[in-house]
Amino acid sequence: YSSYVIMPASFDNFNHFLQKLTKDRVYILDRIRPELNEYPVIYQDFESDVYEGLVSVRNLLEKYRRLIFIYPGGKEPPERVLGFKKFCQEFKFESKVVKSLNEIKPALYDVFLVPSDRTLVELVHLVQEYEYEIGTKFGIISFNDSLFKQVVAGGITTISTDFIQMGRLLSEMVLQKKMVQIRNKSGIIVRKSL
Protein backbone atom coordinates (compact mmCIF):
# COMPACT_ATOMS: atom_id res chain seq x y z
CA TYR A 1 0.00 0.00 0.00
CA SER A 2 1.12 3.55 -0.64
CA SER A 3 -0.79 4.95 2.36
CA TYR A 4 -2.72 3.78 5.39
CA VAL A 5 -5.77 5.69 6.62
CA ILE A 6 -6.75 4.67 10.12
CA MET A 7 -9.84 5.62 12.09
CA PRO A 8 -8.92 4.78 15.68
CA ALA A 9 -12.46 5.53 16.96
CA SER A 10 -12.61 4.60 20.64
CA PHE A 11 -10.22 1.66 20.39
CA ASP A 12 -7.35 1.47 22.83
CA ASN A 13 -4.05 -0.35 22.54
CA PHE A 14 -3.54 -0.03 18.80
CA ASN A 15 -0.08 1.58 19.05
CA HIS A 16 1.62 -1.80 18.61
CA PHE A 17 -0.12 -2.04 15.23
CA LEU A 18 1.03 1.44 14.17
CA GLN A 19 4.64 0.58 15.05
CA LYS A 20 4.62 -1.96 12.21
CA LEU A 21 3.75 0.69 9.61
CA THR A 22 6.00 3.28 7.97
CA LYS A 23 5.19 6.49 9.84
CA ASP A 24 5.20 8.78 6.78
CA ARG A 25 2.53 6.62 5.11
CA VAL A 26 -0.01 6.68 7.97
CA TYR A 27 -2.91 9.15 8.15
CA ILE A 28 -5.35 9.34 11.04
CA LEU A 29 -8.98 10.21 10.43
CA ASP A 30 -11.71 11.40 12.81
CA ARG A 31 -10.05 11.44 16.24
CA ILE A 32 -6.92 12.98 17.60
CA ARG A 33 -5.35 11.27 20.57
CA PRO A 34 -2.23 12.18 22.56
CA GLU A 35 -0.38 9.06 21.42
CA LEU A 36 -1.01 10.02 17.77
CA ASN A 37 0.57 13.50 17.86
CA GLU A 38 3.32 12.44 15.46
CA TYR A 39 0.90 11.58 12.65
CA PRO A 40 -1.03 13.73 10.19
CA VAL A 41 -4.70 13.80 11.15
CA ILE A 42 -8.06 15.24 10.19
CA TYR A 43 -10.13 15.22 13.33
CA GLN A 44 -13.38 16.24 14.93
CA ASP A 45 -13.29 18.14 18.20
CA PHE A 46 -16.35 16.46 19.67
CA GLU A 47 -16.40 18.46 22.91
CA SER A 48 -16.12 21.84 21.19
CA ASP A 49 -18.51 20.81 18.41
CA VAL A 50 -21.30 20.05 20.89
CA TYR A 51 -20.58 23.05 23.10
CA GLU A 52 -20.37 25.52 20.18
CA GLY A 53 -23.42 23.99 18.47
CA LEU A 54 -25.54 24.36 21.60
CA VAL A 55 -24.30 27.91 22.21
CA SER A 56 -25.32 28.86 18.68
CA VAL A 57 -28.93 27.72 19.30
CA ARG A 58 -29.16 28.82 22.91
CA ASN A 59 -32.06 31.14 22.08
CA LEU A 60 -34.03 28.16 20.68
CA LEU A 61 -33.25 26.09 23.78
CA GLU A 62 -34.58 28.76 26.15
CA LYS A 63 -38.19 27.59 25.61
CA TYR A 64 -37.36 24.14 26.99
CA ARG A 65 -37.23 23.02 30.62
CA ARG A 66 -34.54 20.34 30.52
CA LEU A 67 -31.82 18.93 28.25
CA ILE A 68 -31.23 15.17 28.23
CA PHE A 69 -28.28 13.45 26.56
CA ILE A 70 -28.70 9.76 25.77
CA TYR A 71 -25.16 8.44 25.98
CA PRO A 72 -24.92 4.64 25.68
CA GLY A 73 -21.10 4.62 25.77
CA GLY A 74 -19.30 2.14 23.56
CA LYS A 75 -18.22 3.67 20.27
CA GLU A 76 -19.80 7.07 21.01
CA PRO A 77 -17.25 9.81 21.78
CA PRO A 78 -17.29 10.65 25.51
CA GLU A 79 -16.09 14.18 24.66
CA ARG A 80 -19.60 14.99 23.42
CA VAL A 81 -20.92 14.55 26.95
CA LEU A 82 -18.20 16.90 28.24
CA GLY A 83 -19.30 19.59 25.75
CA PHE A 84 -22.94 19.03 26.76
CA LYS A 85 -22.18 19.31 30.49
CA LYS A 86 -20.04 22.40 29.97
CA PHE A 87 -22.84 24.13 28.07
CA CYS A 88 -25.54 23.18 30.60
CA GLN A 89 -23.41 24.25 33.55
CA GLU A 90 -22.28 27.53 32.01
CA PHE A 91 -25.76 28.58 30.87
CA LYS A 92 -27.60 27.03 33.83
CA PHE A 93 -29.78 24.53 31.95
CA GLU A 94 -31.25 21.63 33.90
CA SER A 95 -29.69 18.52 32.41
CA LYS A 96 -29.34 14.79 32.68
CA VAL A 97 -27.18 12.12 31.01
CA VAL A 98 -28.72 8.65 30.67
CA LYS A 99 -27.63 5.45 28.93
CA SER A 100 -30.93 4.70 27.21
CA LEU A 101 -34.55 5.70 26.80
CA ASN A 102 -35.41 3.02 29.35
CA GLU A 103 -33.96 5.24 32.09
CA ILE A 104 -36.17 8.26 31.51
CA LYS A 105 -39.68 9.11 30.42
CA PRO A 106 -39.79 11.97 27.88
CA ALA A 107 -41.79 14.93 29.18
CA LEU A 108 -43.09 18.13 27.65
CA TYR A 109 -40.44 20.83 27.23
CA ASP A 110 -37.56 18.33 27.18
CA VAL A 111 -34.81 18.40 24.55
CA PHE A 112 -33.14 15.08 23.84
CA LEU A 113 -29.66 14.80 22.33
CA VAL A 114 -29.54 11.43 20.60
CA PRO A 115 -26.40 9.96 18.95
CA SER A 116 -27.92 6.65 17.78
CA ASP A 117 -30.24 6.51 14.77
CA ARG A 118 -32.03 3.52 16.27
CA THR A 119 -32.70 5.42 19.50
CA LEU A 120 -33.77 8.43 17.43
CA VAL A 121 -36.46 6.36 15.70
CA GLU A 122 -37.61 4.93 19.05
CA LEU A 123 -37.79 8.43 20.54
CA VAL A 124 -39.75 9.88 17.61
CA HIS A 125 -42.18 6.95 17.79
CA LEU A 126 -42.62 7.38 21.56
CA VAL A 127 -43.11 11.14 21.31
CA GLN A 128 -45.71 10.66 18.58
CA GLU A 129 -47.56 8.19 20.85
CA TYR A 130 -47.55 10.84 23.60
CA GLU A 131 -48.80 13.34 21.01
CA TYR A 132 -46.05 15.84 21.86
CA GLU A 133 -45.43 18.40 19.16
CA ILE A 134 -41.80 17.99 18.07
CA GLY A 135 -40.10 21.36 17.71
CA THR A 136 -42.67 23.25 19.74
CA LYS A 137 -43.09 21.48 23.07
CA PHE A 138 -40.45 18.79 22.64
CA GLY A 139 -37.02 19.08 21.06
CA ILE A 140 -34.61 16.63 19.44
CA ILE A 141 -30.99 17.10 18.41
CA SER A 142 -29.06 14.29 16.77
CA PHE A 143 -25.53 13.88 15.44
CA ASN A 144 -23.99 13.19 12.02
CA ASP A 145 -26.32 14.62 9.43
CA SER A 146 -27.86 12.34 6.79
CA LEU A 147 -30.75 12.28 4.32
CA PHE A 148 -32.67 10.25 6.89
CA LYS A 149 -32.47 13.09 9.41
CA GLN A 150 -33.56 15.61 6.82
CA VAL A 151 -36.92 13.87 6.43
CA VAL A 152 -37.80 12.00 9.64
CA ALA A 153 -40.41 13.85 11.74
CA GLY A 154 -40.26 16.81 9.38
CA GLY A 155 -36.50 17.21 9.88
CA ILE A 156 -34.16 16.57 12.81
CA THR A 157 -31.71 19.21 13.99
CA THR A 158 -28.16 17.84 13.87
CA ILE A 159 -24.71 18.67 15.13
CA SER A 160 -22.49 17.34 12.38
CA THR A 161 -19.06 17.57 10.92
CA ASP A 162 -18.79 18.22 7.19
CA PHE A 163 -18.05 14.71 5.92
CA ILE A 164 -17.60 15.83 2.31
CA GLN A 165 -14.98 18.36 3.40
CA MET A 166 -13.31 15.69 5.55
CA GLY A 167 -12.98 13.43 2.50
CA ARG A 168 -11.58 16.24 0.37
CA LEU A 169 -9.03 17.20 3.00
CA LEU A 170 -7.96 13.58 3.44
CA SER A 171 -7.55 13.07 -0.32
CA GLU A 172 -5.46 16.22 -0.59
CA MET A 173 -3.38 15.24 2.41
CA VAL A 174 -2.61 11.77 1.04
CA LEU A 175 -1.97 12.85 -2.56
CA GLN A 176 0.27 15.75 -1.54
CA LYS A 177 1.84 13.88 1.39
CA LYS A 178 0.96 16.70 3.78
CA MET A 179 2.02 16.10 7.36
CA VAL A 180 -0.47 18.38 9.14
CA GLN A 181 -3.19 18.17 11.77
CA ILE A 182 -6.51 19.75 10.80
CA ARG A 183 -9.72 20.13 12.77
CA ASN A 184 -12.60 19.43 10.40
CA LYS A 185 -15.33 22.01 10.64
CA SER A 186 -18.60 21.21 12.31
CA GLY A 187 -21.87 23.01 12.70
CA ILE A 188 -25.46 22.72 13.75
CA ILE A 189 -28.16 22.34 11.14
CA VAL A 190 -31.43 23.62 12.57
CA ARG A 191 -34.56 21.86 11.42
CA LYS A 192 -38.14 21.47 12.63
CA SER A 193 -37.22 19.31 15.65
CA LEU A 194 -35.91 22.29 17.61
Foldseek 3Di string as FASTA:
>chain_A
DQAAEDECQPDPDCVVVVVVDDQLRYEYEADDDPVCVQFAYAYAQLLCLLLVQCVVCVVLLVQAQEEEEAAQDDRDDPSNVVNVVVNCVVVVHHYYYHNACVVDDDDWRYEYEYADPVRVVVVLVNCVVVVHQAQPGYAYEYEADDPVQCPPSFHHKYKYFDVVVSVVVVVCCNVVSDGHYHYTDIYIDDTSRD
